[in-house]
Amino acid sequence: MLDAELDAVYNPLPNDLHRPWSLAALRAGKHVLTEKPLVLNAAEARELADVAQATGRVLLEAFAYRFHPHIARLRELVQAGELGELRAVRAAFGFTLDNPDDFRWEADKGAARCLTWARTP
């Protein structure tokens, strides 16, 4: 894949593999769309951003909501001041993960930090 004549790659691998494979793809001259979470910490995110900038490639986390029309409209309303002074925003995103054998429960795959609360009875 890294040597193929492709403009871009999609990285849906387990969370702990996002960084190494996205870095490899960027360095191979590919634009990269990586699943959520982009990486496991801020230092890794900075590293990917730096490599994307250095290679002139686009790096994007697969979080499609930012491109939905209702989000664009909400931004317009906020920027125009039509909602008054914005002091706080709360949002949540989640899904049911009830398969105990799913790799997303494995700490070494990088997801357990954000999922452990869901396992508590």
PDB file of N, CA and C in Angstrom:
ATOM      1  N   MET A   1       0.822  -1.183   0.000  1.00  0.00           N
ATOM      2  CA  MET A   1       0.000   0.000   0.000  1.00  0.00           C
ATOM      3  C   MET A   1       0.869   1.249   0.000  1.00  0.00           C
ATOM      4  N   LEU A   2       1.943   1.249   0.753  1.00  0.00           N
ATOM      5  CA  LEU A   2       2.794   2.424   0.819  1.00  0.00           C
ATOM      6  C   LEU A   2       3.509   2.696  -0.492  1.00  0.00           C
ATOM      7  N   ASP A   3       3.762   1.649  -1.277  1.00  0.00           N
ATOM      8  CA  ASP A   3       4.436   1.814  -2.564  1.00  0.00           C
ATOM      9  C   ASP A   3       3.468   1.935  -3.728  1.00  0.00           C
ATOM     10  N   ALA A   4       2.176   1.730  -3.478  1.00  0.00           N
ATOM     11  CA  ALA A   4       1.182   1.782  -4.549  1.00  0.00           C
ATOM     12  C   ALA A   4       0.977   3.214  -5.032  1.00  0.00           C
ATOM     13  N   GLU A   5       0.542   3.343  -6.249  1.00  0.00           N
ATOM     14  CA  GLU A   5       0.256   4.667  -6.810  1.00  0.00           C
ATOM     15  C   GLU A   5      -1.114   5.130  -6.341  1.00  0.00           C
ATOM     16  N   LEU A   6      -1.161   5.561  -5.092  1.00  0.00           N
ATOM     17  CA  LEU A   6      -2.377   6.054  -4.454  1.00  0.00           C
ATOM     18  C   LEU A   6      -2.139   7.478  -3.998  1.00  0.00           C
ATOM     19  N   ASP A   7      -3.192   8.276  -4.006  1.00  0.00           N
ATOM     20  CA  ASP A   7      -3.083   9.633  -3.488  1.00  0.00           C
ATOM     21  C   ASP A   7      -3.304   9.673  -1.985  1.00  0.00           C
ATOM     22  N   ALA A   8      -4.156   8.776  -1.484  1.00  0.00           N
ATOM     23  CA  ALA A   8      -4.541   8.825  -0.079  1.00  0.00           C
ATOM     24  C   ALA A   8      -4.804   7.421   0.447  1.00  0.00           C
ATOM     25  N   VAL A   9      -4.705   7.298   1.779  1.00  0.00           N
ATOM     26  CA  VAL A   9      -5.027   6.039   2.436  1.00  0.00           C
ATOM     27  C   VAL A   9      -5.982   6.310   3.596  1.00  0.00           C
ATOM     28  N   TYR A  10      -6.748   5.288   3.924  1.00  0.00           N
ATOM     29  CA  TYR A  10      -7.660   5.313   5.075  1.00  0.00           C
ATOM     30  C   TYR A  10      -7.115   4.328   6.086  1.00  0.00           C
ATOM     31  N   ASN A  11      -6.911   4.795   7.320  1.00  0.00           N
ATOM     32  CA  ASN A  11      -6.343   3.962   8.375  1.00  0.00           C
ATOM     33  C   ASN A  11      -7.417   3.620   9.413  1.00  0.00           C
ATOM     34  N   PRO A  12      -8.034   2.429   9.305  1.00  0.00           N
ATOM     35  CA  PRO A  12      -9.058   2.010  10.265  1.00  0.00           C
ATOM     36  C   PRO A  12      -8.527   1.031  11.308  1.00  0.00           C
ATOM     37  N   LEU A  13      -7.219   0.901  11.416  1.00  0.00           N
ATOM     38  CA  LEU A  13      -6.596  -0.090  12.302  1.00  0.00           C
ATOM     39  C   LEU A  13      -6.905   0.193  13.766  1.00  0.00           C
ATOM     40  N   PRO A  14      -6.591  -0.747  14.661  1.00  0.00           N
ATOM     41  CA  PRO A  14      -6.757  -0.478  16.097  1.00  0.00           C
ATOM     42  C   PRO A  14      -5.996   0.788  16.500  1.00  0.00           C
ATOM     43  N   ASN A  15      -6.462   1.431  17.535  1.00  0.00           N
ATOM     44  CA  ASN A  15      -5.951   2.744  17.944  1.00  0.00           C
ATOM     45  C   ASN A  15      -4.437   2.815  18.055  1.00  0.00           C
ATOM     46  N   ASP A  16      -3.800   1.787  18.587  1.00  0.00           N
ATOM     47  CA  ASP A  16      -2.353   1.832  18.778  1.00  0.00           C
ATOM     48  C   ASP A  16      -1.578   1.762  17.467  1.00  0.00           C
ATOM     49  N   LEU A  17      -2.251   1.425  16.387  1.00  0.00           N
ATOM     50  CA  LEU A  17      -1.597   1.354  15.078  1.00  0.00           C
ATOM     51  C   LEU A  17      -1.847   2.603  14.228  1.00  0.00           C
ATOM     52  N   HIS A  18      -2.639   3.531  14.708  1.00  0.00           N
ATOM     53  CA  HIS A  18      -2.898   4.753  13.944  1.00  0.00           C
ATOM     54  C   HIS A  18      -1.610   5.532  13.715  1.00  0.00           C
ATOM     55  N   ARG A  19      -0.850   5.761  14.772  1.00  0.00           N
ATOM     56  CA  ARG A  19       0.372   6.560  14.653  1.00  0.00           C
ATOM     57  C   ARG A  19       1.384   5.961  13.686  1.00  0.00           C
ATOM     58  N   PRO A  20       1.837   4.710  13.890  1.00  0.00           N
ATOM     59  CA  PRO A  20       2.903   4.212  13.017  1.00  0.00           C
ATOM     60  C   PRO A  20       2.503   4.118  11.548  1.00  0.00           C
ATOM     61  N   TRP A  21       1.279   3.678  11.277  1.00  0.00           N
ATOM     62  CA  TRP A  21       0.881   3.520   9.886  1.00  0.00           C
ATOM     63  C   TRP A  21       0.543   4.856   9.225  1.00  0.00           C
ATOM     64  N   SER A  22       0.010   5.786   9.996  1.00  0.00           N
ATOM     65  CA  SER A  22      -0.250   7.114   9.437  1.00  0.00           C
ATOM     66  C   SER A  22       1.062   7.829   9.147  1.00  0.00           C
ATOM     67  N   LEU A  23       2.035   7.712  10.053  1.00  0.00           N
ATOM     68  CA  LEU A  23       3.361   8.287   9.800  1.00  0.00           C
ATOM     69  C   LEU A  23       3.985   7.688   8.542  1.00  0.00           C
ATOM     70  N   ALA A  24       3.911   6.382   8.421  1.00  0.00           N
ATOM     71  CA  ALA A  24       4.501   5.714   7.257  1.00  0.00           C
ATOM     72  C   ALA A  24       3.834   6.175   5.971  1.00  0.00           C
ATOM     73  N   ALA A  25       2.525   6.315   6.003  1.00  0.00           N
ATOM     74  CA  ALA A  25       1.800   6.751   4.803  1.00  0.00           C
ATOM     75  C   ALA A  25       2.145   8.190   4.446  1.00  0.00           C
ATOM     76  N   LEU A  26       2.202   9.068   5.437  1.00  0.00           N
ATOM     77  CA  LEU A  26       2.582  10.463   5.177  1.00  0.00           C
ATOM     78  C   LEU A  26       3.979  10.525   4.576  1.00  0.00           C
ATOM     79  N   ARG A  27       4.887   9.782   5.151  1.00  0.00           N
ATOM     80  CA  ARG A  27       6.276   9.783   4.658  1.00  0.00           C
ATOM     81  C   ARG A  27       6.389   9.164   3.270  1.00  0.00           C
ATOM     82  N   ALA A  28       5.417   8.332   2.909  1.00  0.00           N
ATOM     83  CA  ALA A  28       5.384   7.744   1.566  1.00  0.00           C
ATOM     84  C   ALA A  28       4.667   8.660   0.577  1.00  0.00           C
ATOM     85  N   GLY A  29       4.285   9.842   1.044  1.00  0.00           N
ATOM     86  CA  GLY A  29       3.674  10.817   0.155  1.00  0.00           C
ATOM     87  C   GLY A  29       2.172  10.688  -0.020  1.00  0.00           C
ATOM     88  N   LYS A  30       1.511  10.013   0.911  1.00  0.00           N
ATOM     89  CA  LYS A  30       0.060   9.820   0.838  1.00  0.00           C
ATOM     90  C   LYS A  30      -0.657  10.787   1.774  1.00  0.00           C
ATOM     91  N   HIS A  31      -1.833  11.252   1.365  1.00  0.00           N
ATOM     92  CA  HIS A  31      -2.721  11.941   2.276  1.00  0.00           C
ATOM     93  C   HIS A  31      -3.321  10.853   3.168  1.00  0.00           C
ATOM     94  N   VAL A  32      -3.685  11.197   4.418  1.00  0.00           N
ATOM     95  CA  VAL A  32      -4.128  10.172   5.364  1.00  0.00           C
ATOM     96  C   VAL A  32      -5.424  10.575   6.055  1.00  0.00           C
ATOM     97  N   LEU A  33      -6.401   9.664   6.014  1.00  0.00           N
ATOM     98  CA  LEU A  33      -7.636   9.765   6.785  1.00  0.00           C
ATOM     99  C   LEU A  33      -7.563   8.646   7.811  1.00  0.00           C
ATOM    100  N   THR A  34      -7.479   9.019   9.097  1.00  0.00           N
ATOM    101  CA  THR A  34      -7.308   8.043  10.174  1.00  0.00           C
ATOM    102  C   THR A  34      -8.537   8.020  11.059  1.00  0.00           C
ATOM    103  N   GLU A  35      -8.947   6.841  11.459  1.00  0.00           N
ATOM    104  CA  GLU A  35     -10.103   6.699  12.350  1.00  0.00           C
ATOM    105  C   GLU A  35      -9.828   7.351  13.694  1.00  0.00           C
ATOM    106  N   LYS A  36     -10.911   7.526  14.438  1.00  0.00           N
ATOM    107  CA  LYS A  36     -10.848   8.080  15.790  1.00  0.00           C
ATOM    108  C   LYS A  36     -10.375   7.002  16.765  1.00  0.00           C
ATOM    109  N   PRO A  37      -9.616   7.345  17.738  1.00  0.00           N
ATOM    110  CA  PRO A  37      -8.919   8.607  17.915  1.00  0.00           C
ATOM    111  C   PRO A  37      -7.717   8.674  16.981  1.00  0.00           C
ATOM    112  N   LEU A  38      -7.358   9.878  16.583  1.00  0.00           N
ATOM    113  CA  LEU A  38      -6.228  10.041  15.669  1.00  0.00           C
ATOM    114  C   LEU A  38      -4.996   9.337  16.225  1.00  0.00           C
ATOM    115  N   VAL A  39      -4.671   9.608  17.478  1.00  0.00           N
ATOM    116  CA  VAL A  39      -3.542   8.992  18.177  1.00  0.00           C
ATOM    117  C   VAL A  39      -3.890   8.889  19.657  1.00  0.00           C
ATOM    118  N   LEU A  40      -2.937   8.483  20.476  1.00  0.00           N
ATOM    119  CA  LEU A  40      -3.222   8.219  21.881  1.00  0.00           C
ATOM    120  C   LEU A  40      -2.897   9.360  22.830  1.00  0.00           C
ATOM    121  N   ASN A  41      -2.172  10.378  22.353  1.00  0.00           N
ATOM    122  CA  ASN A  41      -1.847  11.501  23.229  1.00  0.00           C
ATOM    123  C   ASN A  41      -1.447  12.725  22.402  1.00  0.00           C
ATOM    124  N   ALA A  42      -1.275  13.843  23.065  1.00  0.00           N
ATOM    125  CA  ALA A  42      -0.988  15.104  22.379  1.00  0.00           C
ATOM    126  C   ALA A  42       0.375  15.089  21.689  1.00  0.00           C
ATOM    127  N   ALA A  43       1.371  14.459  22.296  1.00  0.00           N
ATOM    128  CA  ALA A  43       2.701  14.407  21.675  1.00  0.00           C
ATOM    129  C   ALA A  43       2.650  13.664  20.341  1.00  0.00           C
ATOM    130  N   GLU A  44       1.886  12.578  20.290  1.00  0.00           N
ATOM    131  CA  GLU A  44       1.742  11.835  19.040  1.00  0.00           C
ATOM    132  C   GLU A  44       0.993  12.660  18.006  1.00  0.00           C
ATOM    133  N   ALA A  45      -0.003  13.404  18.432  1.00  0.00           N
ATOM    134  CA  ALA A  45      -0.748  14.259  17.514  1.00  0.00           C
ATOM    135  C   ALA A  45       0.171  15.329  16.925  1.00  0.00           C
ATOM    136  N   ARG A  46       1.004  15.930  17.767  1.00  0.00           N
ATOM    137  CA  ARG A  46       1.951  16.951  17.298  1.00  0.00           C
ATOM    138  C   ARG A  46       2.922  16.345  16.287  1.00  0.00           C
ATOM    139  N   GLU A  47       3.405  15.139  16.588  1.00  0.00           N
ATOM    140  CA  GLU A  47       4.329  14.467  15.669  1.00  0.00           C
ATOM    141  C   GLU A  47       3.684  14.255  14.299  1.00  0.00           C
ATOM    142  N   LEU A  48       2.457  13.744  14.287  1.00  0.00           N
ATOM    143  CA  LEU A  48       1.767  13.531  13.016  1.00  0.00           C
ATOM    144  C   LEU A  48       1.539  14.850  12.286  1.00  0.00           C
ATOM    145  N   ALA A  49       1.112  15.869  13.017  1.00  0.00           N
ATOM    146  CA  ALA A  49       0.871  17.175  12.398  1.00  0.00           C
ATOM    147  C   ALA A  49       2.153  17.731  11.788  1.00  0.00           C
ATOM    148  N   ASP A  50       3.257  17.579  12.496  1.00  0.00           N
ATOM    149  CA  ASP A  50       4.544  18.066  11.992  1.00  0.00           C
ATOM    150  C   ASP A  50       4.957  17.339  10.717  1.00  0.00           C
ATOM    151  N   VAL A  51       4.781  16.031  10.694  1.00  0.00           N
ATOM    152  CA  VAL A  51       5.141  15.251   9.504  1.00  0.00           C
ATOM    153  C   VAL A  51       4.205  15.594   8.345  1.00  0.00           C
ATOM    154  N   ALA A  52       2.928  15.771   8.617  1.00  0.00           N
ATOM    155  CA  ALA A  52       1.988  16.153   7.555  1.00  0.00           C
ATOM    156  C   ALA A  52       2.394  17.497   6.956  1.00  0.00           C
ATOM    157  N   GLN A  53       2.737  18.436   7.813  1.00  0.00           N
ATOM    158  CA  GLN A  53       3.153  19.747   7.331  1.00  0.00           C
ATOM    159  C   GLN A  53       4.457  19.651   6.533  1.00  0.00           C
ATOM    160  N   ALA A  54       5.411  18.896   7.044  1.00  0.00           N
ATOM    161  CA  ALA A  54       6.701  18.764   6.373  1.00  0.00           C
ATOM    162  C   ALA A  54       6.581  18.089   5.011  1.00  0.00           C
ATOM    163  N   THR A  55       5.636  17.151   4.888  1.00  0.00           N
ATOM    164  CA  THR A  55       5.467  16.431   3.625  1.00  0.00           C
ATOM    165  C   THR A  55       4.442  17.083   2.710  1.00  0.00           C
ATOM    166  N   GLY A  56       3.732  18.086   3.215  1.00  0.00           N
ATOM    167  CA  GLY A  56       2.710  18.744   2.406  1.00  0.00           C
ATOM    168  C   GLY A  56       1.500  17.871   2.149  1.00  0.00           C
ATOM    169  N   ARG A  57       1.258  16.927   3.037  1.00  0.00           N
ATOM    170  CA  ARG A  57       0.124  16.012   2.898  1.00  0.00           C
ATOM    171  C   ARG A  57      -0.977  16.404   3.864  1.00  0.00           C
ATOM    172  N   VAL A  58      -2.207  16.028   3.530  1.00  0.00           N
ATOM    173  CA  VAL A  58      -3.362  16.272   4.394  1.00  0.00           C
ATOM    174  C   VAL A  58      -3.496  15.107   5.356  1.00  0.00           C
ATOM    175  N   LEU A  59      -3.657  15.437   6.631  1.00  0.00           N
ATOM    176  CA  LEU A  59      -3.910  14.449   7.681  1.00  0.00           C
ATOM    177  C   LEU A  59      -5.234  14.822   8.313  1.00  0.00           C
ATOM    178  N   LEU A  60      -6.165  13.887   8.371  1.00  0.00           N
ATOM    179  CA  LEU A  60      -7.490  14.187   8.893  1.00  0.00           C
ATOM    180  C   LEU A  60      -8.003  13.023   9.724  1.00  0.00           C
ATOM    181  N   GLU A  61      -8.568  13.358  10.882  1.00  0.00           N
ATOM    182  CA  GLU A  61      -9.228  12.362  11.713  1.00  0.00           C
ATOM    183  C   GLU A  61     -10.633  12.151  11.171  1.00  0.00           C
ATOM    184  N   ALA A  62     -11.068  10.916  11.112  1.00  0.00           N
ATOM    185  CA  ALA A  62     -12.367  10.573  10.525  1.00  0.00           C
ATOM    186  C   ALA A  62     -13.501  10.924  11.485  1.00  0.00           C
ATOM    187  N   PHE A  63     -13.758  12.197  11.589  1.00  0.00           N
ATOM    188  CA  PHE A  63     -14.852  12.695  12.422  1.00  0.00           C
ATOM    189  C   PHE A  63     -15.736  13.543  11.519  1.00  0.00           C
ATOM    190  N   ALA A  64     -16.652  12.893  10.836  1.00  0.00           N
ATOM    191  CA  ALA A  64     -17.413  13.506   9.750  1.00  0.00           C
ATOM    192  C   ALA A  64     -18.352  14.622  10.184  1.00  0.00           C
ATOM    193  N   TYR A  65     -18.744  14.656  11.441  1.00  0.00           N
ATOM    194  CA  TYR A  65     -19.743  15.638  11.868  1.00  0.00           C
ATOM    195  C   TYR A  65     -19.332  17.074  11.575  1.00  0.00           C
ATOM    196  N   ARG A  66     -18.040  17.349  11.604  1.00  0.00           N
ATOM    197  CA  ARG A  66     -17.608  18.728  11.367  1.00  0.00           C
ATOM    198  C   ARG A  66     -17.979  19.213   9.976  1.00  0.00           C
ATOM    199  N   PHE A  67     -18.290  18.318   9.064  1.00  0.00           N
ATOM    200  CA  PHE A  67     -18.633  18.691   7.700  1.00  0.00           C
ATOM    201  C   PHE A  67     -20.138  18.653   7.415  1.00  0.00           C
ATOM    202  N   HIS A  68     -20.943  18.306   8.390  1.00  0.00           N
ATOM    203  CA  HIS A  68     -22.385  18.251   8.197  1.00  0.00           C
ATOM    204  C   HIS A  68     -22.951  19.662   8.083  1.00  0.00           C
ATOM    205  N   PRO A  69     -23.956  19.848   7.253  1.00  0.00           N
ATOM    206  CA  PRO A  69     -24.534  21.186   7.061  1.00  0.00           C
ATOM    207  C   PRO A  69     -25.040  21.828   8.350  1.00  0.00           C
ATOM    208  N   HIS A  70     -25.613  21.053   9.254  1.00  0.00           N
ATOM    209  CA  HIS A  70     -26.133  21.667  10.482  1.00  0.00           C
ATOM    210  C   HIS A  70     -25.006  22.196  11.373  1.00  0.00           C
ATOM    211  N   ILE A  71     -23.839  21.598  11.296  1.00  0.00           N
ATOM    212  CA  ILE A  71     -22.692  22.096  12.059  1.00  0.00           C
ATOM    213  C   ILE A  71     -22.194  23.407  11.446  1.00  0.00           C
ATOM    214  N   ALA A  72     -22.150  23.472  10.131  1.00  0.00           N
ATOM    215  CA  ALA A  72     -21.749  24.724   9.461  1.00  0.00           C
ATOM    216  C   ALA A  72     -22.716  25.849   9.819  1.00  0.00           C
ATOM    217  N   ARG A  73     -23.998  25.536   9.852  1.00  0.00           N
ATOM    218  CA  ARG A  73     -25.002  26.553  10.201  1.00  0.00           C
ATOM    219  C   ARG A  73     -24.833  26.995  11.653  1.00  0.00           C
ATOM    220  N   LEU A  74     -24.589  26.072  12.544  1.00  0.00           N
ATOM    221  CA  LEU A  74     -24.377  26.409  13.948  1.00  0.00           C
ATOM    222  C   LEU A  74     -23.170  27.324  14.109  1.00  0.00           C
ATOM    223  N   ARG A  75     -22.099  27.019  13.392  1.00  0.00           N
ATOM    224  CA  ARG A  75     -20.916  27.891  13.439  1.00  0.00           C
ATOM    225  C   ARG A  75     -21.254  29.294  12.957  1.00  0.00           C
ATOM    226  N   GLU A  76     -22.043  29.387  11.892  1.00  0.00           N
ATOM    227  CA  GLU A  76     -22.461  30.701  11.386  1.00  0.00           C
ATOM    228  C   GLU A  76     -23.231  31.470  12.451  1.00  0.00           C
ATOM    229  N   LEU A  77     -24.149  30.795  13.119  1.00  0.00           N
ATOM    230  CA  LEU A  77     -24.950  31.444  14.155  1.00  0.00           C
ATOM    231  C   LEU A  77     -24.071  31.938  15.304  1.00  0.00           C
ATOM    232  N   VAL A  78     -23.133  31.108  15.725  1.00  0.00           N
ATOM    233  CA  VAL A  78     -22.241  31.484  16.825  1.00  0.00           C
ATOM    234  C   VAL A  78     -21.357  32.656  16.408  1.00  0.00           C
ATOM    235  N   GLN A  79     -20.744  32.557  15.241  1.00  0.00           N
ATOM    236  CA  GLN A  79     -19.834  33.609  14.786  1.00  0.00           C
ATOM    237  C   GLN A  79     -20.550  34.936  14.556  1.00  0.00           C
ATOM    238  N   ALA A  80     -21.818  34.882  14.174  1.00  0.00           N
ATOM    239  CA  ALA A  80     -22.596  36.103  13.948  1.00  0.00           C
ATOM    240  C   ALA A  80     -23.120  36.684  15.260  1.00  0.00           C
ATOM    241  N   GLY A  81     -22.961  35.946  16.361  1.00  0.00           N
ATOM    242  CA  GLY A  81     -23.447  36.427  17.651  1.00  0.00           C
ATOM    243  C   GLY A  81     -24.933  36.280  17.828  1.00  0.00           C
ATOM    244  N   GLU A  82     -25.589  35.528  16.976  1.00  0.00           N
ATOM    245  CA  GLU A  82     -27.046  35.375  17.033  1.00  0.00           C
ATOM    246  C   GLU A  82     -27.521  34.588  18.251  1.00  0.00           C
ATOM    247  N   LEU A  83     -26.609  33.862  18.891  1.00  0.00           N
ATOM    248  CA  LEU A  83     -26.977  33.087  20.076  1.00  0.00           C
ATOM    249  C   LEU A  83     -26.541  33.782  21.355  1.00  0.00           C
ATOM    250  N   GLY A  84     -26.043  35.004  21.217  1.00  0.00           N
ATOM    251  CA  GLY A  84     -25.518  35.708  22.381  1.00  0.00           C
ATOM    252  C   GLY A  84     -24.105  35.251  22.678  1.00  0.00           C
ATOM    253  N   GLU A  85     -23.637  35.595  23.868  1.00  0.00           N
ATOM    254  CA  GLU A  85     -22.288  35.207  24.256  1.00  0.00           C
ATOM    255  C   GLU A  85     -22.252  33.721  24.568  1.00  0.00           C
ATOM    256  N   LEU A  86     -21.429  33.004  23.861  1.00  0.00           N
ATOM    257  CA  LEU A  86     -21.283  31.571  24.081  1.00  0.00           C
ATOM    258  C   LEU A  86     -20.317  31.363  25.236  1.00  0.00           C
ATOM    259  N   ARG A  87     -20.808  30.760  26.314  1.00  0.00           N
ATOM    260  CA  ARG A  87     -19.979  30.567  27.498  1.00  0.00           C
ATOM    261  C   ARG A  87     -19.592  29.115  27.735  1.00  0.00           C
ATOM    262  N   ALA A  88     -20.363  28.195  27.233  1.00  0.00           N
ATOM    263  CA  ALA A  88     -20.045  26.783  27.432  1.00  0.00           C
ATOM    264  C   ALA A  88     -20.759  25.955  26.371  1.00  0.00           C
ATOM    265  N   VAL A  89     -20.137  24.847  26.028  1.00  0.00           N
ATOM    266  CA  VAL A  89     -20.728  23.880  25.106  1.00  0.00           C
ATOM    267  C   VAL A  89     -20.452  22.503  25.678  1.00  0.00           C
ATOM    268  N   ARG A  90     -21.451  21.672  25.684  1.00  0.00           N
ATOM    269  CA  ARG A  90     -21.275  20.278  26.111  1.00  0.00           C
ATOM    270  C   ARG A  90     -21.736  19.383  24.983  1.00  0.00           C
ATOM    271  N   ALA A  91     -20.986  18.331  24.755  1.00  0.00           N
ATOM    272  CA  ALA A  91     -21.338  17.381  23.710  1.00  0.00           C
ATOM    273  C   ALA A  91     -20.868  16.000  24.141  1.00  0.00           C
ATOM    274  N   ALA A  92     -21.452  14.990  23.564  1.00  0.00           N
ATOM    275  CA  ALA A  92     -21.050  13.621  23.858  1.00  0.00           C
ATOM    276  C   ALA A  92     -21.192  12.784  22.600  1.00  0.00           C
ATOM    277  N   PHE A  93     -20.333  11.810  22.487  1.00  0.00           N
ATOM    278  CA  PHE A  93     -20.381  10.869  21.380  1.00  0.00           C
ATOM    279  C   PHE A  93     -20.111   9.501  21.974  1.00  0.00           C
ATOM    280  N   GLY A  94     -20.916   8.543  21.655  1.00  0.00           N
ATOM    281  CA  GLY A  94     -20.712   7.225  22.231  1.00  0.00           C
ATOM    282  C   GLY A  94     -21.345   6.137  21.397  1.00  0.00           C
ATOM    283  N   PHE A  95     -21.087   4.917  21.791  1.00  0.00           N
ATOM    284  CA  PHE A  95     -21.666   3.765  21.129  1.00  0.00           C
ATOM    285  C   PHE A  95     -21.642   2.598  22.113  1.00  0.00           C
ATOM    286  N   THR A  96     -22.475   1.626  21.869  1.00  0.00           N
ATOM    287  CA  THR A  96     -22.536   0.450  22.723  1.00  0.00           C
ATOM    288  C   THR A  96     -21.461  -0.536  22.298  1.00  0.00           C
ATOM    289  N   LEU A  97     -20.712  -0.992  23.254  1.00  0.00           N
ATOM    290  CA  LEU A  97     -19.674  -1.981  22.995  1.00  0.00           C
ATOM    291  C   LEU A  97     -19.897  -3.119  23.992  1.00  0.00           C
ATOM    292  N   ASP A  98     -20.710  -4.088  23.581  1.00  0.00           N
ATOM    293  CA  ASP A  98     -21.081  -5.154  24.510  1.00  0.00           C
ATOM    294  C   ASP A  98     -20.439  -6.501  24.196  1.00  0.00           C
ATOM    295  N   ASN A  99     -19.470  -6.538  23.288  1.00  0.00           N
ATOM    296  CA  ASN A  99     -18.745  -7.760  22.981  1.00  0.00           C
ATOM    297  C   ASN A  99     -17.466  -7.782  23.827  1.00  0.00           C
ATOM    298  N   PRO A 100     -17.389  -8.624  24.848  1.00  0.00           N
ATOM    299  CA  PRO A 100     -16.221  -8.628  25.740  1.00  0.00           C
ATOM    300  C   PRO A 100     -14.921  -9.044  25.046  1.00  0.00           C
ATOM    301  N   ASP A 101     -14.997  -9.633  23.860  1.00  0.00           N
ATOM    302  CA  ASP A 101     -13.793 -10.052  23.138  1.00  0.00           C
ATOM    303  C   ASP A 101     -13.313  -9.006  22.134  1.00  0.00           C
ATOM    304  N   ASP A 102     -14.008  -7.889  22.036  1.00  0.00           N
ATOM    305  CA  ASP A 102     -13.633  -6.849  21.081  1.00  0.00           C
ATOM    306  C   ASP A 102     -12.266  -6.275  21.440  1.00  0.00           C
ATOM    307  N   PHE A 103     -11.403  -6.049  20.442  1.00  0.00           N
ATOM    308  CA  PHE A 103     -10.066  -5.520  20.701  1.00  0.00           C
ATOM    309  C   PHE A 103     -10.107  -4.148  21.364  1.00  0.00           C
ATOM    310  N   ARG A 104     -11.208  -3.446  21.266  1.00  0.00           N
ATOM    311  CA  ARG A 104     -11.300  -2.109  21.861  1.00  0.00           C
ATOM    312  C   ARG A 104     -11.231  -2.132  23.391  1.00  0.00           C
ATOM    313  N   TRP A 105     -11.388  -3.313  23.982  1.00  0.00           N
ATOM    314  CA  TRP A 105     -11.256  -3.433  25.433  1.00  0.00           C
ATOM    315  C   TRP A 105      -9.812  -3.668  25.850  1.00  0.00           C
ATOM    316  N   GLU A 106      -8.921  -3.954  24.920  1.00  0.00           N
ATOM    317  CA  GLU A 106      -7.544  -4.309  25.244  1.00  0.00           C
ATOM    318  C   GLU A 106      -6.711  -3.060  25.496  1.00  0.00           C
ATOM    319  N   ALA A 107      -6.169  -2.943  26.700  1.00  0.00           N
ATOM    320  CA  ALA A 107      -5.393  -1.759  27.084  1.00  0.00           C
ATOM    321  C   ALA A 107      -4.211  -1.530  26.152  1.00  0.00           C
ATOM    322  N   ASP A 108      -3.563  -2.596  25.704  1.00  0.00           N
ATOM    323  CA  ASP A 108      -2.393  -2.416  24.842  1.00  0.00           C
ATOM    324  C   ASP A 108      -2.765  -1.949  23.439  1.00  0.00           C
ATOM    325  N   LYS A 109      -4.047  -1.923  23.127  1.00  0.00           N
ATOM    326  CA  LYS A 109      -4.511  -1.386  21.845  1.00  0.00           C
ATOM    327  C   LYS A 109      -4.848   0.099  21.964  1.00  0.00           C
ATOM    328  N   GLY A 110      -4.719   0.645  23.169  1.00  0.00           N
ATOM    329  CA  GLY A 110      -4.862   2.076  23.359  1.00  0.00           C
ATOM    330  C   GLY A 110      -6.247   2.587  23.655  1.00  0.00           C
ATOM    331  N   ALA A 111      -7.237   1.742  23.715  1.00  0.00           N
ATOM    332  CA  ALA A 111      -8.598   2.244  23.890  1.00  0.00           C
ATOM    333  C   ALA A 111      -9.109   2.146  25.313  1.00  0.00           C
ATOM    334  N   ALA A 112      -8.513   1.334  26.127  1.00  0.00           N
ATOM    335  CA  ALA A 112      -9.071   1.083  27.456  1.00  0.00           C
ATOM    336  C   ALA A 112      -9.187   2.344  28.296  1.00  0.00           C
ATOM    337  N   ARG A 113      -8.321   3.317  28.074  1.00  0.00           N
ATOM    338  CA  ARG A 113      -8.376   4.554  28.854  1.00  0.00           C
ATOM    339  C   ARG A 113      -9.714   5.262  28.696  1.00  0.00           C
ATOM    340  N   CYS A 114     -10.278   5.210  27.499  1.00  0.00           N
ATOM    341  CA  CYS A 114     -11.532   5.928  27.293  1.00  0.00           C
ATOM    342  C   CYS A 114     -12.742   5.012  27.422  1.00  0.00           C
ATOM    343  N   LEU A 115     -12.534   3.732  27.583  1.00  0.00           N
ATOM    344  CA  LEU A 115     -13.666   2.813  27.636  1.00  0.00           C
ATOM    345  C   LEU A 115     -13.860   2.166  29.003  1.00  0.00           C
ATOM    346  N   THR A 116     -12.940   2.301  29.916  1.00  0.00           N
ATOM    347  CA  THR A 116     -13.053   1.589  31.179  1.00  0.00           C
ATOM    348  C   THR A 116     -14.305   1.958  31.944  1.00  0.00           C
ATOM    349  N   TRP A 117     -14.741   3.200  31.823  1.00  0.00           N
ATOM    350  CA  TRP A 117     -15.959   3.615  32.536  1.00  0.00           C
ATOM    351  C   TRP A 117     -17.164   2.810  32.071  1.00  0.00           C
ATOM    352  N   ALA A 118     -17.166   2.368  30.822  1.00  0.00           N
ATOM    353  CA  ALA A 118     -18.314   1.639  30.280  1.00  0.00           C
ATOM    354  C   ALA A 118     -18.387   0.221  30.803  1.00  0.00           C
ATOM    355  N   ARG A 119     -17.284  -0.302  31.301  1.00  0.00           N
ATOM    356  CA  ARG A 119     -17.265  -1.671  31.787  1.00  0.00           C
ATOM    357  C   ARG A 119     -17.715  -1.764  33.234  1.00  0.00           C
ATOM    358  N   THR A 120     -17.815  -0.648  33.899  1.00  0.00           N
ATOM    359  CA  THR A 120     -18.208  -0.670  35.295  1.00  0.00           C
ATOM    360  C   THR A 120     -19.699  -1.007  35.406  1.00  0.00           C
ATOM    361  N   PRO A 121     -20.042  -2.028  36.211  1.00  0.00           N
ATOM    362  CA  PRO A 121     -21.464  -2.389  36.330  1.00  0.00           C
ATOM    363  C   PRO A 121     -22.273  -1.298  37.030  1.00  0.00           C
TER     364      PRO A 121
END
